[in-house]
Amino acid sequence: ACETALAIAFEKLRARQDPATDAFDIVDVDRNV
């Protein structure tokens, strides 16, 4: 998730968008965060 967050952030920065407020919630099969 950290690697993916960096990749998405770089793409957003290239598009002049702020990725600082984006987030991932890692959840299990039962949808518990």
PDB file of all heavy atoms in Angstrom:
ATOM      1  N   ALA A   1       0.834  -1.207   0.000  1.00  0.00           N
ATOM      2  CA  ALA A   1       0.000   0.000   0.000  1.00  0.00           C
ATOM      3  C   ALA A   1       0.866   1.253   0.000  1.00  0.00           C
ATOM      4  O   ALA A   1       0.533   2.247  -0.665  1.00  0.00           O
ATOM      5  CB  ALA A   1      -0.945  -0.009   1.203  1.00  0.00           C
ATOM      6  N   CYS A   2       1.981   1.226   0.722  1.00  0.00           N
ATOM      7  CA  CYS A   2       2.899   2.375   0.729  1.00  0.00           C
ATOM      8  C   CYS A   2       3.462   2.628  -0.666  1.00  0.00           C
ATOM      9  O   CYS A   2       3.506   3.773  -1.127  1.00  0.00           O
ATOM     10  CB  CYS A   2       4.044   2.136   1.712  1.00  0.00           C
ATOM     11  SG  CYS A   2       3.573   2.254   3.438  1.00  0.00           S
ATOM     12  N   GLU A   3       3.890   1.568  -1.343  1.00  0.00           N
ATOM     13  CA  GLU A   3       4.426   1.710  -2.694  1.00  0.00           C
ATOM     14  C   GLU A   3       3.355   2.238  -3.652  1.00  0.00           C
ATOM     15  O   GLU A   3       3.620   3.119  -4.472  1.00  0.00           O
ATOM     16  CB  GLU A   3       4.965   0.371  -3.200  1.00  0.00           C
ATOM     17  CG  GLU A   3       6.237  -0.066  -2.522  1.00  0.00           C
ATOM     18  CD  GLU A   3       6.727  -1.413  -3.032  1.00  0.00           C
ATOM     19  OE1 GLU A   3       6.412  -1.784  -4.187  1.00  0.00           O
ATOM     20  OE2 GLU A   3       7.422  -2.096  -2.273  1.00  0.00           O
ATOM     21  N   THR A   4       2.150   1.707  -3.531  1.00  0.00           N
ATOM     22  CA  THR A   4       1.059   2.142  -4.395  1.00  0.00           C
ATOM     23  C   THR A   4       0.693   3.595  -4.110  1.00  0.00           C
ATOM     24  O   THR A   4       0.431   4.371  -5.035  1.00  0.00           O
ATOM     25  CB  THR A   4      -0.164   1.227  -4.212  1.00  0.00           C
ATOM     26  OG1 THR A   4       0.235  -0.127  -4.470  1.00  0.00           O
ATOM     27  CG2 THR A   4      -1.293   1.615  -5.147  1.00  0.00           C
ATOM     28  N   ALA A   5       0.683   3.967  -2.835  1.00  0.00           N
ATOM     29  CA  ALA A   5       0.375   5.350  -2.459  1.00  0.00           C
ATOM     30  C   ALA A   5       1.396   6.299  -3.081  1.00  0.00           C
ATOM     31  O   ALA A   5       1.031   7.370  -3.600  1.00  0.00           O
ATOM     32  CB  ALA A   5       0.351   5.497  -0.941  1.00  0.00           C
ATOM     33  N   LEU A   6       2.656   5.924  -3.054  1.00  0.00           N
ATOM     34  CA  LEU A   6       3.691   6.765  -3.673  1.00  0.00           C
ATOM     35  C   LEU A   6       3.479   6.883  -5.180  1.00  0.00           C
ATOM     36  O   LEU A   6       3.587   7.974  -5.746  1.00  0.00           O
ATOM     37  CB  LEU A   6       5.080   6.200  -3.385  1.00  0.00           C
ATOM     38  CG  LEU A   6       5.620   6.443  -1.974  1.00  0.00           C
ATOM     39  CD1 LEU A   6       6.928   5.681  -1.769  1.00  0.00           C
ATOM     40  CD2 LEU A   6       5.822   7.926  -1.726  1.00  0.00           C
ATOM     41  N   ALA A   7       3.154   5.775  -5.815  1.00  0.00           N
ATOM     42  CA  ALA A   7       2.934   5.794  -7.266  1.00  0.00           C
ATOM     43  C   ALA A   7       1.750   6.697  -7.620  1.00  0.00           C
ATOM     44  O   ALA A   7       1.828   7.512  -8.560  1.00  0.00           O
ATOM     45  CB  ALA A   7       2.716   4.378  -7.783  1.00  0.00           C
ATOM     46  N   ILE A   8       0.652   6.552  -6.887  1.00  0.00           N
ATOM     47  CA  ILE A   8      -0.524   7.393  -7.138  1.00  0.00           C
ATOM     48  C   ILE A   8      -0.201   8.854  -6.857  1.00  0.00           C
ATOM     49  O   ILE A   8      -0.578   9.754  -7.612  1.00  0.00           O
ATOM     50  CB  ILE A   8      -1.723   6.915  -6.287  1.00  0.00           C
ATOM     51  CG1 ILE A   8      -2.203   5.551  -6.773  1.00  0.00           C
ATOM     52  CG2 ILE A   8      -2.861   7.929  -6.334  1.00  0.00           C
ATOM     53  CD1 ILE A   8      -3.241   4.901  -5.858  1.00  0.00           C
ATOM     54  N   ALA A   9       0.524   9.108  -5.763  1.00  0.00           N
ATOM     55  CA  ALA A   9       0.886  10.485  -5.395  1.00  0.00           C
ATOM     56  C   ALA A   9       1.720  11.137  -6.492  1.00  0.00           C
ATOM     57  O   ALA A   9       1.491  12.301  -6.848  1.00  0.00           O
ATOM     58  CB  ALA A   9       1.632  10.496  -4.066  1.00  0.00           C
ATOM     59  N   PHE A  10       2.687  10.402  -7.039  1.00  0.00           N
ATOM     60  CA  PHE A  10       3.515  10.966  -8.102  1.00  0.00           C
ATOM     61  C   PHE A  10       2.672  11.309  -9.333  1.00  0.00           C
ATOM     62  O   PHE A  10       2.857  12.355  -9.946  1.00  0.00           O
ATOM     63  CB  PHE A  10       4.655  10.018  -8.481  1.00  0.00           C
ATOM     64  CG  PHE A  10       5.704   9.898  -7.410  1.00  0.00           C
ATOM     65  CD1 PHE A  10       6.294   8.675  -7.141  1.00  0.00           C
ATOM     66  CD2 PHE A  10       6.121  10.994  -6.667  1.00  0.00           C
ATOM     67  CE1 PHE A  10       7.257   8.549  -6.141  1.00  0.00           C
ATOM     68  CE2 PHE A  10       7.090  10.882  -5.670  1.00  0.00           C
ATOM     69  CZ  PHE A  10       7.660   9.650  -5.423  1.00  0.00           C
ATOM     70  N   GLU A  11       1.732  10.434  -9.673  1.00  0.00           N
ATOM     71  CA  GLU A  11       0.857  10.702 -10.817  1.00  0.00           C
ATOM     72  C   GLU A  11      -0.012  11.946 -10.564  1.00  0.00           C
ATOM     73  O   GLU A  11      -0.202  12.770 -11.450  1.00  0.00           O
ATOM     74  CB  GLU A  11      -0.024   9.491 -11.128  1.00  0.00           C
ATOM     75  CG  GLU A  11       0.726   8.328 -11.720  1.00  0.00           C
ATOM     76  CD  GLU A  11       1.443   8.682 -13.017  1.00  0.00           C
ATOM     77  OE1 GLU A  11       0.857   9.369 -13.884  1.00  0.00           O
ATOM     78  OE2 GLU A  11       2.620   8.278 -13.155  1.00  0.00           O
ATOM     79  N   LYS A  12      -0.535  12.065  -9.350  1.00  0.00           N
ATOM     80  CA  LYS A  12      -1.354  13.225  -9.018  1.00  0.00           C
ATOM     81  C   LYS A  12      -0.520  14.504  -9.046  1.00  0.00           C
ATOM     82  O   LYS A  12      -0.987  15.554  -9.508  1.00  0.00           O
ATOM     83  CB  LYS A  12      -2.037  13.039  -7.665  1.00  0.00           C
ATOM     84  CG  LYS A  12      -3.161  12.013  -7.719  1.00  0.00           C
ATOM     85  CD  LYS A  12      -3.946  11.985  -6.448  1.00  0.00           C
ATOM     86  CE  LYS A  12      -5.028  13.037  -6.540  1.00  0.00           C
ATOM     87  NZ  LYS A  12      -6.038  12.915  -5.487  1.00  0.00           N
ATOM     88  N   LEU A  13       0.696  14.441  -8.555  1.00  0.00           N
ATOM     89  CA  LEU A  13       1.571  15.619  -8.573  1.00  0.00           C
ATOM     90  C   LEU A  13       1.891  16.039 -10.000  1.00  0.00           C
ATOM     91  O   LEU A  13       1.919  17.235 -10.307  1.00  0.00           O
ATOM     92  CB  LEU A  13       2.850  15.340  -7.778  1.00  0.00           C
ATOM     93  CG  LEU A  13       2.678  15.259  -6.253  1.00  0.00           C
ATOM     94  CD1 LEU A  13       3.955  14.737  -5.599  1.00  0.00           C
ATOM     95  CD2 LEU A  13       2.276  16.605  -5.671  1.00  0.00           C
ATOM     96  N   ARG A  14       2.115  15.067 -10.871  1.00  0.00           N
ATOM     97  CA  ARG A  14       2.367  15.394 -12.278  1.00  0.00           C
ATOM     98  C   ARG A  14       1.162  16.108 -12.896  1.00  0.00           C
ATOM     99  O   ARG A  14       1.317  16.951 -13.769  1.00  0.00           O
ATOM    100  CB  ARG A  14       2.670  14.112 -13.062  1.00  0.00           C
ATOM    101  CG  ARG A  14       4.060  13.601 -12.845  1.00  0.00           C
ATOM    102  CD  ARG A  14       4.374  12.431 -13.775  1.00  0.00           C
ATOM    103  NE  ARG A  14       5.623  11.838 -13.387  1.00  0.00           N
ATOM    104  CZ  ARG A  14       5.763  10.637 -12.846  1.00  0.00           C
ATOM    105  NH1 ARG A  14       4.721   9.857 -12.662  1.00  0.00           N
ATOM    106  NH2 ARG A  14       6.948  10.188 -12.504  1.00  0.00           N
ATOM    107  N   ALA A  15      -0.035  15.747 -12.424  1.00  0.00           N
ATOM    108  CA  ALA A  15      -1.267  16.373 -12.926  1.00  0.00           C
ATOM    109  C   ALA A  15      -1.607  17.635 -12.139  1.00  0.00           C
ATOM    110  O   ALA A  15      -2.699  18.180 -12.272  1.00  0.00           O
ATOM    111  CB  ALA A  15      -2.416  15.372 -12.856  1.00  0.00           C
ATOM    112  N   ARG A  16      -0.678  18.062 -11.286  1.00  0.00           N
ATOM    113  CA  ARG A  16      -0.836  19.252 -10.444  1.00  0.00           C
ATOM    114  C   ARG A  16      -2.024  19.146  -9.497  1.00  0.00           C
ATOM    115  O   ARG A  16      -2.769  20.094  -9.272  1.00  0.00           O
ATOM    116  CB  ARG A  16      -0.920  20.515 -11.296  1.00  0.00           C
ATOM    117  CG  ARG A  16       0.273  20.720 -12.187  1.00  0.00           C
ATOM    118  CD  ARG A  16       0.588  22.183 -12.342  1.00  0.00           C
ATOM    119  NE  ARG A  16       1.730  22.409 -13.204  1.00  0.00           N
ATOM    120  CZ  ARG A  16       2.994  22.445 -12.782  1.00  0.00           C
ATOM    121  NH1 ARG A  16       3.270  22.264 -11.529  1.00  0.00           N
ATOM    122  NH2 ARG A  16       3.970  22.688 -13.618  1.00  0.00           N
ATOM    123  N   GLN A  17      -2.188  17.938  -8.918  1.00  0.00           N
ATOM    124  CA  GLN A  17      -3.217  17.694  -7.912  1.00  0.00           C
ATOM    125  C   GLN A  17      -2.518  17.351  -6.602  1.00  0.00           C
ATOM    126  O   GLN A  17      -1.429  16.773  -6.601  1.00  0.00           O
ATOM    127  CB  GLN A  17      -4.128  16.534  -8.326  1.00  0.00           C
ATOM    128  CG  GLN A  17      -4.901  16.805  -9.595  1.00  0.00           C
ATOM    129  CD  GLN A  17      -5.648  15.566 -10.068  1.00  0.00           C
ATOM    130  OE1 GLN A  17      -5.565  14.505  -9.471  1.00  0.00           O
ATOM    131  NE2 GLN A  17      -6.384  15.715 -11.160  1.00  0.00           N
ATOM    132  N   ASP A  18      -3.147  17.681  -5.479  1.00  0.00           N
ATOM    133  CA  ASP A  18      -2.565  17.435  -4.161  1.00  0.00           C
ATOM    134  C   ASP A  18      -2.998  16.058  -3.641  1.00  0.00           C
ATOM    135  O   ASP A  18      -4.172  15.838  -3.362  1.00  0.00           O
ATOM    136  CB  ASP A  18      -3.010  18.515  -3.171  1.00  0.00           C
ATOM    137  CG  ASP A  18      -2.359  18.373  -1.804  1.00  0.00           C
ATOM    138  OD1 ASP A  18      -1.420  17.553  -1.664  1.00  0.00           O
ATOM    139  OD2 ASP A  18      -2.787  19.092  -0.884  1.00  0.00           O
ATOM    140  N   PRO A  19      -2.058  15.130  -3.471  1.00  0.00           N
ATOM    141  CA  PRO A  19      -2.397  13.800  -2.962  1.00  0.00           C
ATOM    142  C   PRO A  19      -2.396  13.708  -1.433  1.00  0.00           C
ATOM    143  O   PRO A  19      -2.701  12.652  -0.873  1.00  0.00           O
ATOM    144  CB  PRO A  19      -1.289  12.920  -3.540  1.00  0.00           C
ATOM    145  CG  PRO A  19      -0.098  13.835  -3.581  1.00  0.00           C
ATOM    146  CD  PRO A  19      -0.668  15.192  -3.921  1.00  0.00           C
ATOM    147  N   ALA A  20      -2.085  14.794  -0.744  1.00  0.00           N
ATOM    148  CA  ALA A  20      -1.882  14.756   0.710  1.00  0.00           C
ATOM    149  C   ALA A  20      -3.133  14.341   1.485  1.00  0.00           C
ATOM    150  O   ALA A  20      -3.023  13.827   2.594  1.00  0.00           O
ATOM    151  CB  ALA A  20      -1.372  16.094   1.220  1.00  0.00           C
ATOM    152  N   THR A  21      -4.318  14.545   0.923  1.00  0.00           N
ATOM    153  CA  THR A  21      -5.541  14.184   1.650  1.00  0.00           C
ATOM    154  C   THR A  21      -6.078  12.810   1.252  1.00  0.00           C
ATOM    155  O   THR A  21      -7.088  12.362   1.790  1.00  0.00           O
ATOM    156  CB  THR A  21      -6.640  15.241   1.420  1.00  0.00           C
ATOM    157  OG1 THR A  21      -6.910  15.326   0.020  1.00  0.00           O
ATOM    158  CG2 THR A  21      -6.217  16.591   1.962  1.00  0.00           C
ATOM    159  N   ASP A  22      -5.419  12.143   0.316  1.00  0.00           N
ATOM    160  CA  ASP A  22      -5.829  10.797  -0.089  1.00  0.00           C
ATOM    161  C   ASP A  22      -5.417   9.787   0.979  1.00  0.00           C
ATOM    162  O   ASP A  22      -4.529  10.056   1.796  1.00  0.00           O
ATOM    163  CB  ASP A  22      -5.189  10.417  -1.425  1.00  0.00           C
ATOM    164  CG  ASP A  22      -5.690  11.272  -2.580  1.00  0.00           C
ATOM    165  OD1 ASP A  22      -6.482  12.197  -2.335  1.00  0.00           O
ATOM    166  OD2 ASP A  22      -5.277  11.001  -3.719  1.00  0.00           O
ATOM    167  N   ALA A  23      -6.052   8.616   0.942  1.00  0.00           N
ATOM    168  CA  ALA A  23      -5.730   7.587   1.939  1.00  0.00           C
ATOM    169  C   ALA A  23      -6.179   6.215   1.464  1.00  0.00           C
ATOM    170  O   ALA A  23      -7.077   6.088   0.626  1.00  0.00           O
ATOM    171  CB  ALA A  23      -6.407   7.906   3.269  1.00  0.00           C
ATOM    172  N   PHE A  24      -5.544   5.212   2.022  1.00  0.00           N
ATOM    173  CA  PHE A  24      -5.984   3.823   1.862  1.00  0.00           C
ATOM    174  C   PHE A  24      -6.478   3.329   3.213  1.00  0.00           C
ATOM    175  O   PHE A  24      -5.870   3.623   4.253  1.00  0.00           O
ATOM    176  CB  PHE A  24      -4.830   2.904   1.443  1.00  0.00           C
ATOM    177  CG  PHE A  24      -4.526   2.886  -0.014  1.00  0.00           C
ATOM    178  CD1 PHE A  24      -3.254   3.189  -0.465  1.00  0.00           C
ATOM    179  CD2 PHE A  24      -5.490   2.543  -0.943  1.00  0.00           C
ATOM    180  CE1 PHE A  24      -2.949   3.167  -1.816  1.00  0.00           C
ATOM    181  CE2 PHE A  24      -5.204   2.513  -2.297  1.00  0.00           C
ATOM    182  CZ  PHE A  24      -3.924   2.827  -2.735  1.00  0.00           C
ATOM    183  N   ASP A  25      -7.558   2.573   3.198  1.00  0.00           N
ATOM    184  CA  ASP A  25      -7.972   1.781   4.355  1.00  0.00           C
ATOM    185  C   ASP A  25      -7.701   0.339   3.984  1.00  0.00           C
ATOM    186  O   ASP A  25      -8.240  -0.153   2.986  1.00  0.00           O
ATOM    187  CB  ASP A  25      -9.462   1.950   4.668  1.00  0.00           C
ATOM    188  CG  ASP A  25      -9.784   3.279   5.319  1.00  0.00           C
ATOM    189  OD1 ASP A  25      -8.869   3.907   5.871  1.00  0.00           O
ATOM    190  OD2 ASP A  25     -10.960   3.676   5.279  1.00  0.00           O
ATOM    191  N   ILE A  26      -6.855  -0.330   4.748  1.00  0.00           N
ATOM    192  CA  ILE A  26      -6.590  -1.749   4.510  1.00  0.00           C
ATOM    193  C   ILE A  26      -7.599  -2.516   5.353  1.00  0.00           C
ATOM    194  O   ILE A  26      -7.637  -2.363   6.576  1.00  0.00           O
ATOM    195  CB  ILE A  26      -5.146  -2.127   4.895  1.00  0.00           C
ATOM    196  CG1 ILE A  26      -4.142  -1.258   4.129  1.00  0.00           C
ATOM    197  CG2 ILE A  26      -4.901  -3.613   4.631  1.00  0.00           C
ATOM    198  CD1 ILE A  26      -2.695  -1.441   4.560  1.00  0.00           C
ATOM    199  N   VAL A  27      -8.430  -3.325   4.686  1.00  0.00           N
ATOM    200  CA  VAL A  27      -9.494  -4.039   5.384  1.00  0.00           C
ATOM    201  C   VAL A  27      -9.361  -5.535   5.148  1.00  0.00           C
ATOM    202  O   VAL A  27      -8.741  -5.981   4.170  1.00  0.00           O
ATOM    203  CB  VAL A  27     -10.897  -3.537   4.952  1.00  0.00           C
ATOM    204  CG1 VAL A  27     -11.079  -2.073   5.292  1.00  0.00           C
ATOM    205  CG2 VAL A  27     -11.131  -3.747   3.478  1.00  0.00           C
ATOM    206  N   ASP A  28      -9.949  -6.319   6.053  1.00  0.00           N
ATOM    207  CA  ASP A  28      -9.909  -7.768   5.915  1.00  0.00           C
ATOM    208  C   ASP A  28     -11.145  -8.273   5.179  1.00  0.00           C
ATOM    209  O   ASP A  28     -11.985  -7.490   4.733  1.00  0.00           O
ATOM    210  CB  ASP A  28      -9.738  -8.451   7.275  1.00  0.00           C
ATOM    211  CG  ASP A  28     -10.898  -8.209   8.226  1.00  0.00           C
ATOM    212  OD1 ASP A  28     -11.959  -7.711   7.792  1.00  0.00           O
ATOM    213  OD2 ASP A  28     -10.746  -8.531   9.422  1.00  0.00           O
ATOM    214  N   VAL A  29     -11.272  -9.577   5.067  1.00  0.00           N
ATOM    215  CA  VAL A  29     -12.382 -10.199   4.347  1.00  0.00           C
ATOM    216  C   VAL A  29     -13.733  -9.818   4.951  1.00  0.00           C
ATOM    217  O   VAL A  29     -14.726  -9.668   4.242  1.00  0.00           O
ATOM    218  CB  VAL A  29     -12.205 -11.735   4.338  1.00  0.00           C
ATOM    219  CG1 VAL A  29     -13.386 -12.423   3.696  1.00  0.00           C
ATOM    220  CG2 VAL A  29     -10.931 -12.112   3.609  1.00  0.00           C
ATOM    221  N   ASP A  30     -13.766  -9.632   6.272  1.00  0.00           N
ATOM    222  CA  ASP A  30     -15.009  -9.257   6.951  1.00  0.00           C
ATOM    223  C   ASP A  30     -15.256  -7.748   6.911  1.00  0.00           C
ATOM    224  O   ASP A  30     -16.156  -7.255   7.581  1.00  0.00           O
ATOM    225  CB  ASP A  30     -14.974  -9.741   8.406  1.00  0.00           C
ATOM    226  CG  ASP A  30     -14.884 -11.246   8.497  1.00  0.00           C
ATOM    227  OD1 ASP A  30     -15.529 -11.931   7.670  1.00  0.00           O
ATOM    228  OD2 ASP A  30     -14.165 -11.746   9.385  1.00  0.00           O
ATOM    229  N   ARG A  31     -14.417  -7.030   6.169  1.00  0.00           N
ATOM    230  CA  ARG A  31     -14.515  -5.579   5.999  1.00  0.00           C
ATOM    231  C   ARG A  31     -14.194  -4.797   7.276  1.00  0.00           C
ATOM    232  O   ARG A  31     -14.625  -3.663   7.449  1.00  0.00           O
ATOM    233  CB  ARG A  31     -15.885  -5.154   5.450  1.00  0.00           C
ATOM    234  CG  ARG A  31     -16.215  -5.784   4.110  1.00  0.00           C
ATOM    235  CD  ARG A  31     -15.179  -5.393   3.097  1.00  0.00           C
ATOM    236  NE  ARG A  31     -15.559  -5.925   1.771  1.00  0.00           N
ATOM    237  CZ  ARG A  31     -14.757  -5.908   0.745  1.00  0.00           C
ATOM    238  NH1 ARG A  31     -13.558  -5.412   0.846  1.00  0.00           N
ATOM    239  NH2 ARG A  31     -15.137  -6.393  -0.416  1.00  0.00           N
ATOM    240  N   ASN A  32     -13.403  -5.388   8.159  1.00  0.00           N
ATOM    241  CA  ASN A  32     -12.900  -4.672   9.331  1.00  0.00           C
ATOM    242  C   ASN A  32     -11.665  -3.888   8.911  1.00  0.00           C
ATOM    243  O   ASN A  32     -10.767  -4.432   8.260  1.00  0.00           O
ATOM    244  CB  ASN A  32     -12.501  -5.653  10.449  1.00  0.00           C
ATOM    245  CG  ASN A  32     -13.674  -6.445  10.949  1.00  0.00           C
ATOM    246  OD1 ASN A  32     -14.716  -5.890  11.248  1.00  0.00           O
ATOM    247  ND2 ASN A  32     -13.523  -7.761  11.005  1.00  0.00           N
ATOM    248  N   VAL A  33     -11.615  -2.608   9.289  1.00  0.00           N
ATOM    249  CA  VAL A  33     -10.453  -1.786   8.955  1.00  0.00           C
ATOM    250  C   VAL A  33      -9.301  -2.220   9.859  1.00  0.00           C
ATOM    251  O   VAL A  33      -9.381  -2.155  11.084  1.00  0.00           O
ATOM    252  CB  VAL A  33     -10.751  -0.280   9.135  1.00  0.00           C
ATOM    253  CG1 VAL A  33      -9.494   0.544   8.872  1.00  0.00           C
ATOM    254  CG2 VAL A  33     -11.875   0.159   8.208  1.00  0.00           C
TER     255      VAL A  33
END
